[in-house]
């Protein structure tokens, strides 16, 4: 999985041969709260 930073938001995604799967889009305070 990979993380993309867009301002204060983070996008967690992965990709296979033909697909990009977005797992989560959230504010950074919520992504790192676990």
N, C-alpha and C. Protein backbone atom coordinates (compact mmCIF):
# COMPACT_ATOMS: atom_id res chain seq x y z
N UNK A 1 0.83 -1.18 0.00
CA UNK A 1 0.00 0.00 0.00
C UNK A 1 0.88 1.24 0.00
N UNK A 2 0.33 2.30 -0.51
CA UNK A 2 1.05 3.56 -0.64
C UNK A 2 0.20 4.68 -0.06
N UNK A 3 0.87 5.76 0.34
CA UNK A 3 0.18 6.93 0.86
C UNK A 3 0.47 8.12 -0.03
N UNK A 4 -0.55 8.91 -0.28
CA UNK A 4 -0.41 10.13 -1.06
C UNK A 4 -0.87 11.28 -0.19
N UNK A 5 -0.05 12.30 -0.07
CA UNK A 5 -0.38 13.46 0.76
C UNK A 5 -0.94 14.57 -0.13
N UNK A 6 -2.12 15.04 0.25
CA UNK A 6 -2.76 16.17 -0.44
C UNK A 6 -3.18 17.15 0.64
N UNK A 7 -2.36 18.15 0.91
CA UNK A 7 -2.65 19.09 2.00
C UNK A 7 -2.65 18.36 3.33
N UNK A 8 -3.73 18.49 4.08
CA UNK A 8 -3.87 17.80 5.36
C UNK A 8 -4.53 16.44 5.21
N UNK A 9 -4.78 16.01 4.00
CA UNK A 9 -5.46 14.74 3.76
C UNK A 9 -4.48 13.70 3.27
N UNK A 10 -4.80 12.44 3.55
CA UNK A 10 -3.99 11.32 3.10
C UNK A 10 -4.88 10.36 2.32
N UNK A 11 -4.35 9.83 1.24
CA UNK A 11 -5.02 8.82 0.44
C UNK A 11 -4.18 7.56 0.54
N UNK A 12 -4.78 6.48 0.99
CA UNK A 12 -4.09 5.19 1.07
C UNK A 12 -4.60 4.34 -0.09
N UNK A 13 -3.66 3.87 -0.92
CA UNK A 13 -4.06 3.16 -2.13
C UNK A 13 -3.07 2.04 -2.43
N UNK A 14 -3.50 1.16 -3.30
CA UNK A 14 -2.63 0.10 -3.82
C UNK A 14 -2.96 -0.07 -5.30
N UNK A 15 -2.06 -0.72 -6.02
CA UNK A 15 -2.35 -0.96 -7.43
C UNK A 15 -1.84 -2.32 -7.85
N UNK A 16 -2.58 -2.90 -8.79
CA UNK A 16 -2.24 -4.18 -9.40
C UNK A 16 -1.96 -3.93 -10.88
N UNK A 17 -2.07 -4.95 -11.68
CA UNK A 17 -1.74 -4.83 -13.10
C UNK A 17 -2.57 -3.75 -13.80
N UNK A 18 -3.88 -3.81 -13.64
CA UNK A 18 -4.77 -2.90 -14.38
C UNK A 18 -5.62 -2.01 -13.49
N UNK A 19 -5.49 -2.12 -12.17
CA UNK A 19 -6.39 -1.41 -11.27
C UNK A 19 -5.65 -0.64 -10.20
N UNK A 20 -6.21 0.49 -9.83
CA UNK A 20 -5.78 1.24 -8.65
C UNK A 20 -6.93 1.17 -7.66
N UNK A 21 -6.66 0.68 -6.46
CA UNK A 21 -7.68 0.56 -5.43
C UNK A 21 -7.42 1.59 -4.35
N UNK A 22 -8.40 2.46 -4.10
CA UNK A 22 -8.30 3.45 -3.04
C UNK A 22 -8.93 2.85 -1.79
N UNK A 23 -8.14 2.73 -0.73
CA UNK A 23 -8.60 2.10 0.50
C UNK A 23 -9.18 3.10 1.48
N UNK A 24 -8.60 4.29 1.54
CA UNK A 24 -9.05 5.26 2.53
C UNK A 24 -8.63 6.66 2.11
N UNK A 25 -9.52 7.62 2.30
CA UNK A 25 -9.22 9.04 2.13
C UNK A 25 -9.70 9.71 3.39
N UNK A 26 -8.80 10.34 4.13
CA UNK A 26 -9.17 10.91 5.42
C UNK A 26 -8.20 12.00 5.82
N UNK A 27 -8.60 12.80 6.78
CA UNK A 27 -7.72 13.82 7.35
C UNK A 27 -6.58 13.12 8.06
N UNK A 28 -5.42 13.73 8.06
CA UNK A 28 -4.24 13.06 8.62
C UNK A 28 -4.38 12.75 10.10
N UNK A 29 -5.14 13.55 10.85
CA UNK A 29 -5.32 13.26 12.28
C UNK A 29 -6.10 11.97 12.48
N UNK A 30 -6.97 11.62 11.52
CA UNK A 30 -7.76 10.39 11.63
C UNK A 30 -7.00 9.18 11.10
N UNK A 31 -6.16 9.37 10.10
CA UNK A 31 -5.37 8.27 9.54
C UNK A 31 -4.39 7.74 10.59
N UNK A 32 -3.72 8.64 11.30
CA UNK A 32 -2.66 8.24 12.22
C UNK A 32 -3.14 8.05 13.65
N UNK A 33 -4.45 8.07 13.89
CA UNK A 33 -4.95 7.95 15.27
C UNK A 33 -4.93 6.51 15.78
N UNK A 34 -4.78 5.52 14.87
CA UNK A 34 -4.77 4.11 15.29
C UNK A 34 -3.53 3.82 16.00
